[in-house]
PDB file of N, CA and C in Angstrom:
ATOM      1  N   MET A   1       1.935  -6.587  -7.343  1.00  0.00           N
ATOM      2  CA  MET A   1       2.400  -6.386  -6.317  1.00  0.00           C
ATOM      3  C   MET A   1       2.781  -7.434  -5.665  1.00  0.00           C
ATOM      4  N   HIS A   2       3.852  -7.809  -4.725  1.00  0.00           N
ATOM      5  CA  HIS A   2       5.114  -8.706  -4.791  1.00  0.00           C
ATOM      6  C   HIS A   2       4.536  -9.559  -3.071  1.00  0.00           C
ATOM      7  N   ASP A   3       4.587 -10.501  -2.777  1.00  0.00           N
ATOM      8  CA  ASP A   3       4.747 -11.479  -1.989  1.00  0.00           C
ATOM      9  C   ASP A   3       6.042 -11.294  -1.113  1.00  0.00           C
ATOM     10  N   LEU A   4       6.451 -10.103  -0.383  1.00  0.00           N
ATOM     11  CA  LEU A   4       7.706 -10.381   0.470  1.00  0.00           C
ATOM     12  C   LEU A   4       8.170 -11.504   1.607  1.00  0.00           C
ATOM     13  N   THR A   5       7.009 -12.122   1.920  1.00  0.00           N
ATOM     14  CA  THR A   5       7.431 -12.960   2.784  1.00  0.00           C
ATOM     15  C   THR A   5       8.459 -13.580   3.083  1.00  0.00           C
ATOM     16  N   GLY A   6       9.064 -14.295   2.191  1.00  0.00           N
ATOM     17  CA  GLY A   6      10.533 -15.022   2.430  1.00  0.00           C
ATOM     18  C   GLY A   6      11.401 -13.570   2.646  1.00  0.00           C
ATOM     19  N   ALA A   7      11.309 -12.638   2.489  1.00  0.00           N
ATOM     20  CA  ALA A   7      12.423 -11.788   2.409  1.00  0.00           C
ATOM     21  C   ALA A   7      13.239 -12.185   3.711  1.00  0.00           C
ATOM     22  N   ILE A   8      14.895 -11.659   3.513  1.00  0.00           N
ATOM     23  CA  ILE A   8      15.901 -11.942   4.456  1.00  0.00           C
ATOM     24  C   ILE A   8      16.096 -10.263   4.759  1.00  0.00           C
ATOM     25  N   TRP A   9      15.766  -9.865   5.401  1.00  0.00           N
ATOM     26  CA  TRP A   9      16.247  -8.220   5.719  1.00  0.00           C
ATOM     27  C   TRP A   9      17.512  -7.909   6.527  1.00  0.00           C
ATOM     28  N   ARG A  10      17.919  -7.318   5.734  1.00  0.00           N
ATOM     29  CA  ARG A  10      19.244  -6.530   6.347  1.00  0.00           C
ATOM     30  C   ARG A  10      19.452  -4.947   6.181  1.00  0.00           C
ATOM     31  N   THR A  11      20.408  -4.514   7.153  1.00  0.00           N
ATOM     32  CA  THR A  11      20.557  -3.131   7.261  1.00  0.00           C
ATOM     33  C   THR A  11      21.771  -3.013   6.888  1.00  0.00           C
ATOM     34  N   SER A  12      22.055  -1.874   6.300  1.00  0.00           N
ATOM     35  CA  SER A  12      23.662  -1.473   6.092  1.00  0.00           C
ATOM     36  C   SER A  12      24.629  -1.611   7.647  1.00  0.00           C
ATOM     37  N   SER A  13      25.550  -1.829   7.078  1.00  0.00           N
ATOM     38  CA  SER A  13      26.972  -1.858   8.407  1.00  0.00           C
ATOM     39  C   SER A  13      27.216  -0.629   8.731  1.00  0.00           C
ATOM     40  N   ARG A  14      26.974   0.813   7.665  1.00  0.00           N
ATOM     41  CA  ARG A  14      27.056   2.370   8.022  1.00  0.00           C
ATOM     42  C   ARG A  14      26.143   2.772   8.706  1.00  0.00           C
ATOM     43  N   SER A  15      24.835   2.045   9.055  1.00  0.00           N
ATOM     44  CA  SER A  15      23.755   3.054   9.910  1.00  0.00           C
ATOM     45  C   SER A  15      24.399   3.109  10.749  1.00  0.00           C
ATOM     46  N   ASN A  16      23.439   4.268  11.668  1.00  0.00           N
ATOM     47  CA  ASN A  16      23.746   4.326  12.567  1.00  0.00           C
ATOM     48  C   ASN A  16      23.160   4.604  13.400  1.00  0.00           C
ATOM     49  N   ASP A  17      22.804   5.206  15.002  1.00  0.00           N
ATOM     50  CA  ASP A  17      21.817   4.413  15.705  1.00  0.00           C
ATOM     51  C   ASP A  17      20.616   5.818  15.750  1.00  0.00           C
ATOM     52  N   GLN A  18      20.658   6.890  15.020  1.00  0.00           N
ATOM     53  CA  GLN A  18      19.866   7.974  14.561  1.00  0.00           C
ATOM     54  C   GLN A  18      18.354   7.337  14.314  1.00  0.00           C
ATOM     55  N   GLY A  19      18.197   6.141  13.486  1.00  0.00           N
ATOM     56  CA  GLY A  19      17.158   5.819  13.310  1.00  0.00           C
ATOM     57  C   GLY A  19      16.574   5.946  11.555  1.00  0.00           C
ATOM     58  N   LEU A  20      17.416   6.378  10.927  1.00  0.00           N
ATOM     59  CA  LEU A  20      17.789   7.019   9.715  1.00  0.00           C
ATOM     60  C   LEU A  20      17.699   5.915   8.477  1.00  0.00           C
ATOM     61  N   CYS A  21      17.501   4.771   8.878  1.00  0.00           N
ATOM     62  CA  CYS A  21      17.810   3.616   8.010  1.00  0.00           C
ATOM     63  C   CYS A  21      17.232   3.174   7.387  1.00  0.00           C
ATOM     64  N   VAL A  22      17.217   1.999   6.251  1.00  0.00           N
ATOM     65  CA  VAL A  22      16.293   1.541   5.285  1.00  0.00           C
ATOM     66  C   VAL A  22      16.958  -0.178   5.614  1.00  0.00           C
ATOM     67  N   GLU A  23      16.046  -0.931   5.078  1.00  0.00           N
ATOM     68  CA  GLU A  23      16.259  -2.630   5.380  1.00  0.00           C
ATOM     69  C   GLU A  23      16.070  -2.962   3.934  1.00  0.00           C
ATOM     70  N   VAL A  24      17.109  -3.864   3.616  1.00  0.00           N
ATOM     71  CA  VAL A  24      17.076  -4.337   1.967  1.00  0.00           C
ATOM     72  C   VAL A  24      17.056  -5.875   2.276  1.00  0.00           C
ATOM     73  N   ALA A  25      16.373  -6.539   1.445  1.00  0.00           N
ATOM     74  CA  ALA A  25      16.537  -7.737   1.279  1.00  0.00           C
ATOM     75  C   ALA A  25      16.534  -8.200  -0.324  1.00  0.00           C
ATOM     76  N   ASP A  26      17.676  -8.570  -0.232  1.00  0.00           N
ATOM     77  CA  ASP A  26      18.076  -8.956  -1.782  1.00  0.00           C
ATOM     78  C   ASP A  26      18.273 -10.256  -1.912  1.00  0.00           C
ATOM     79  N   ASN A  27      17.649 -11.194  -1.081  1.00  0.00           N
ATOM     80  CA  ASN A  27      17.586 -12.486  -1.263  1.00  0.00           C
ATOM     81  C   ASN A  27      16.210 -12.940  -2.300  1.00  0.00           C
ATOM     82  N   LEU A  28      15.557 -12.191  -2.946  1.00  0.00           N
ATOM     83  CA  LEU A  28      14.445 -11.929  -3.499  1.00  0.00           C
ATOM     84  C   LEU A  28      14.511 -12.181  -5.171  1.00  0.00           C
ATOM     85  N   VAL A  29      15.775 -11.709  -5.381  1.00  0.00           N
ATOM     86  CA  VAL A  29      16.107 -11.445  -6.668  1.00  0.00           C
ATOM     87  C   VAL A  29      15.957 -13.077  -7.503  1.00  0.00           C
ATOM     88  N   ASP A  30      16.300 -13.932  -7.100  1.00  0.00           N
ATOM     89  CA  ASP A  30      16.386 -15.102  -7.998  1.00  0.00           C
ATOM     90  C   ASP A  30      14.994 -15.627  -8.135  1.00  0.00           C
ATOM     91  N   VAL A  31      14.237 -15.400  -6.857  1.00  0.00           N
ATOM     92  CA  VAL A  31      12.891 -15.835  -6.744  1.00  0.00           C
ATOM     93  C   VAL A  31      11.559 -15.163  -7.331  1.00  0.00           C
ATOM     94  N   LEU A  32      11.782 -13.885  -7.251  1.00  0.00           N
ATOM     95  CA  LEU A  32      10.816 -12.943  -7.783  1.00  0.00           C
ATOM     96  C   LEU A  32      10.960 -11.694  -8.925  1.00  0.00           C
ATOM     97  N   GLY A  33      12.511 -11.730  -9.160  1.00  0.00           N
ATOM     98  CA  GLY A  33      13.334 -10.541  -9.873  1.00  0.00           C
ATOM     99  C   GLY A  33      13.052  -9.185  -9.042  1.00  0.00           C
ATOM    100  N   VAL A  34      12.974  -8.755  -7.492  1.00  0.00           N
ATOM    101  CA  VAL A  34      12.863  -7.815  -7.090  1.00  0.00           C
ATOM    102  C   VAL A  34      13.946  -7.624  -5.829  1.00  0.00           C
ATOM    103  N   VAL A  35      14.224  -6.118  -5.609  1.00  0.00           N
ATOM    104  CA  VAL A  35      14.643  -6.086  -4.300  1.00  0.00           C
ATOM    105  C   VAL A  35      13.657  -5.435  -3.615  1.00  0.00           C
ATOM    106  N   GLY A  36      13.942  -5.927  -2.062  1.00  0.00           N
ATOM    107  CA  GLY A  36      12.992  -5.617  -1.343  1.00  0.00           C
ATOM    108  C   GLY A  36      13.574  -4.452  -0.543  1.00  0.00           C
ATOM    109  N   VAL A  37      13.001  -3.377  -0.140  1.00  0.00           N
ATOM    110  CA  VAL A  37      13.429  -2.129   0.679  1.00  0.00           C
ATOM    111  C   VAL A  37      12.188  -1.711   1.807  1.00  0.00           C
ATOM    112  N   ARG A  38      12.553  -1.685   2.740  1.00  0.00           N
ATOM    113  CA  ARG A  38      11.419  -1.251   3.563  1.00  0.00           C
ATOM    114  C   ARG A  38      11.834  -0.026   4.991  1.00  0.00           C
ATOM    115  N   ASP A  39      11.434   0.413   5.673  1.00  0.00           N
ATOM    116  CA  ASP A  39      12.023   1.235   6.698  1.00  0.00           C
ATOM    117  C   ASP A  39      12.395   0.622   7.762  1.00  0.00           C
ATOM    118  N   SER A  40      13.405   0.687   8.369  1.00  0.00           N
ATOM    119  CA  SER A  40      13.860  -0.085   9.954  1.00  0.00           C
ATOM    120  C   SER A  40      13.219   0.163  10.985  1.00  0.00           C
ATOM    121  N   LYS A  41      12.700   1.272  10.907  1.00  0.00           N
ATOM    122  CA  LYS A  41      11.177   1.684  11.999  1.00  0.00           C
ATOM    123  C   LYS A  41      10.143   1.461  12.405  1.00  0.00           C
ATOM    124  N   ASP A  42      10.031   1.069  10.864  1.00  0.00           N
ATOM    125  CA  ASP A  42       8.508   0.296  10.781  1.00  0.00           C
ATOM    126  C   ASP A  42       8.766  -0.710   9.904  1.00  0.00           C
ATOM    127  N   GLN A  43       9.294  -1.938  10.631  1.00  0.00           N
ATOM    128  CA  GLN A  43       9.133  -3.366   9.804  1.00  0.00           C
ATOM    129  C   GLN A  43       8.005  -3.695   9.406  1.00  0.00           C
ATOM    130  N   ALA A  44       6.628  -3.350   9.826  1.00  0.00           N
ATOM    131  CA  ALA A  44       5.407  -4.029   9.577  1.00  0.00           C
ATOM    132  C   ALA A  44       4.886  -2.932   8.368  1.00  0.00           C
ATOM    133  N   GLY A  45       5.078  -1.775   8.271  1.00  0.00           N
ATOM    134  CA  GLY A  45       4.935  -0.960   7.287  1.00  0.00           C
ATOM    135  C   GLY A  45       4.831  -1.098   5.796  1.00  0.00           C
ATOM    136  N   PRO A  46       4.914  -0.591   4.989  1.00  0.00           N
ATOM    137  CA  PRO A  46       4.732  -0.674   3.497  1.00  0.00           C
ATOM    138  C   PRO A  46       6.357  -1.084   3.174  1.00  0.00           C
ATOM    139  N   THR A  47       6.318  -1.735   2.006  1.00  0.00           N
ATOM    140  CA  THR A  47       8.024  -1.903   1.295  1.00  0.00           C
ATOM    141  C   THR A  47       7.921  -1.502  -0.159  1.00  0.00           C
ATOM    142  N   LEU A  48       8.785  -1.673  -0.711  1.00  0.00           N
ATOM    143  CA  LEU A  48       8.839  -1.292  -1.733  1.00  0.00           C
ATOM    144  C   LEU A  48       9.682  -2.360  -2.414  1.00  0.00           C
ATOM    145  N   ALA A  49       9.349  -2.799  -4.051  1.00  0.00           N
ATOM    146  CA  ALA A  49       9.593  -3.658  -4.397  1.00  0.00           C
ATOM    147  C   ALA A  49      10.578  -2.865  -5.931  1.00  0.00           C
ATOM    148  N   ILE A  50      12.042  -3.289  -6.177  1.00  0.00           N
ATOM    149  CA  ILE A  50      12.610  -2.587  -7.087  1.00  0.00           C
ATOM    150  C   ILE A  50      13.153  -3.462  -7.901  1.00  0.00           C
ATOM    151  N   SER A  51      12.856  -3.136  -9.196  1.00  0.00           N
ATOM    152  CA  SER A  51      13.926  -4.080  -9.873  1.00  0.00           C
ATOM    153  C   SER A  51      15.338  -4.295  -9.840  1.00  0.00           C
ATOM    154  N   PRO A  52      15.975  -4.900  -9.916  1.00  0.00           N
ATOM    155  CA  PRO A  52      17.618  -5.126  -9.632  1.00  0.00           C
ATOM    156  C   PRO A  52      18.107  -3.957 -10.723  1.00  0.00           C
ATOM    157  N   PRO A  53      17.949  -3.471 -11.731  1.00  0.00           N
ATOM    158  CA  PRO A  53      18.723  -2.219 -12.017  1.00  0.00           C
ATOM    159  C   PRO A  53      18.252  -0.899 -11.953  1.00  0.00           C
ATOM    160  N   GLY A  54      17.022  -1.089 -11.123  1.00  0.00           N
ATOM    161  CA  GLY A  54      16.945   0.047 -10.295  1.00  0.00           C
ATOM    162  C   GLY A  54      17.365   0.108  -9.124  1.00  0.00           C
ATOM    163  N   TRP A  55      17.888  -0.857  -8.590  1.00  0.00           N
ATOM    164  CA  TRP A  55      18.463  -0.619  -7.607  1.00  0.00           C
ATOM    165  C   TRP A  55      19.823  -0.474  -7.571  1.00  0.00           C
ATOM    166  N   ALA A  56      20.459  -0.996  -8.638  1.00  0.00           N
ATOM    167  CA  ALA A  56      21.828  -0.772  -8.912  1.00  0.00           C
ATOM    168  C   ALA A  56      22.080   0.661  -9.205  1.00  0.00           C
ATOM    169  N   ALA A  57      20.946   1.329  -9.933  1.00  0.00           N
ATOM    170  CA  ALA A  57      21.378   2.566 -10.287  1.00  0.00           C
ATOM    171  C   ALA A  57      20.753   3.492  -9.115  1.00  0.00           C
ATOM    172  N   PHE A  58      20.378   3.300  -8.212  1.00  0.00           N
ATOM    173  CA  PHE A  58      19.976   4.096  -7.168  1.00  0.00           C
ATOM    174  C   PHE A  58      21.446   3.907  -6.235  1.00  0.00           C
ATOM    175  N   VAL A  59      21.974   2.632  -6.145  1.00  0.00           N
ATOM    176  CA  VAL A  59      23.036   2.780  -5.038  1.00  0.00           C
ATOM    177  C   VAL A  59      24.261   3.456  -5.833  1.00  0.00           C
ATOM    178  N   GLY A  60      23.844   3.328  -7.187  1.00  0.00           N
ATOM    179  CA  GLY A  60      25.241   3.894  -7.811  1.00  0.00           C
ATOM    180  C   GLY A  60      25.106   5.501  -7.701  1.00  0.00           C
ATOM    181  N   ALA A  61      23.962   6.173  -7.625  1.00  0.00           N
ATOM    182  CA  ALA A  61      23.422   7.489  -7.551  1.00  0.00           C
ATOM    183  C   ALA A  61      24.323   8.028  -5.955  1.00  0.00           C
ATOM    184  N   ILE A  62      23.807   7.171  -5.209  1.00  0.00           N
ATOM    185  CA  ILE A  62      24.120   7.550  -4.052  1.00  0.00           C
ATOM    186  C   ILE A  62      25.598   7.665  -3.705  1.00  0.00           C
ATOM    187  N   ARG A  63      26.392   6.390  -4.428  1.00  0.00           N
ATOM    188  CA  ARG A  63      27.744   6.587  -4.242  1.00  0.00           C
ATOM    189  C   ARG A  63      28.527   7.468  -5.229  1.00  0.00           C
ATOM    190  N   ALA A  64      27.990   7.763  -5.937  1.00  0.00           N
ATOM    191  CA  ALA A  64      28.221   9.116  -6.885  1.00  0.00           C
ATOM    192  C   ALA A  64      27.823  10.302  -6.140  1.00  0.00           C
ATOM    193  N   GLY A  65      27.277  10.827  -5.229  1.00  0.00           N
ATOM    194  CA  GLY A  65      27.242  11.826  -4.428  1.00  0.00           C
ATOM    195  C   GLY A  65      25.914  12.398  -5.015  1.00  0.00           C
ATOM    196  N   GLN A  66      25.177  12.386  -5.822  1.00  0.00           N
ATOM    197  CA  GLN A  66      24.474  12.646  -6.452  1.00  0.00           C
ATOM    198  C   GLN A  66      23.169  13.164  -5.435  1.00  0.00           C
ATOM    199  N   PHE A  67      22.802  12.522  -4.153  1.00  0.00           N
ATOM    200  CA  PHE A  67      21.612  12.653  -3.508  1.00  0.00           C
ATOM    201  C   PHE A  67      22.372  13.769  -2.365  1.00  0.00           C
ATOM    202  N   GLY A  68      21.525  14.958  -2.084  1.00  0.00           N
ATOM    203  CA  GLY A  68      22.528  15.957  -0.850  1.00  0.00           C
ATOM    204  C   GLY A  68      21.361  15.409   0.465  1.00  0.00           C
ATOM    205  N   ARG A  69      22.203  15.905   1.403  1.00  0.00           N
ATOM    206  CA  ARG A  69      21.383  15.653   2.931  1.00  0.00           C
ATOM    207  C   ARG A  69      20.591  16.662   3.386  1.00  0.00           C
TER     208      ARG A  69
END
């Protein structure tokens, strides 16, 4: 379990107003070795702590169109 108290959360500039967004905290990589991810609609809810290589693979898969809507 990681304490994400110092996370600086940001939402993608491509987010829309439909509320289907996640927030990412990539300032934790140097401190904790993780990228934080949470639901933008439930900021007090659960968070994920993902390894930087795992996050890079996920973002790469999205860019490659491997996930459908």
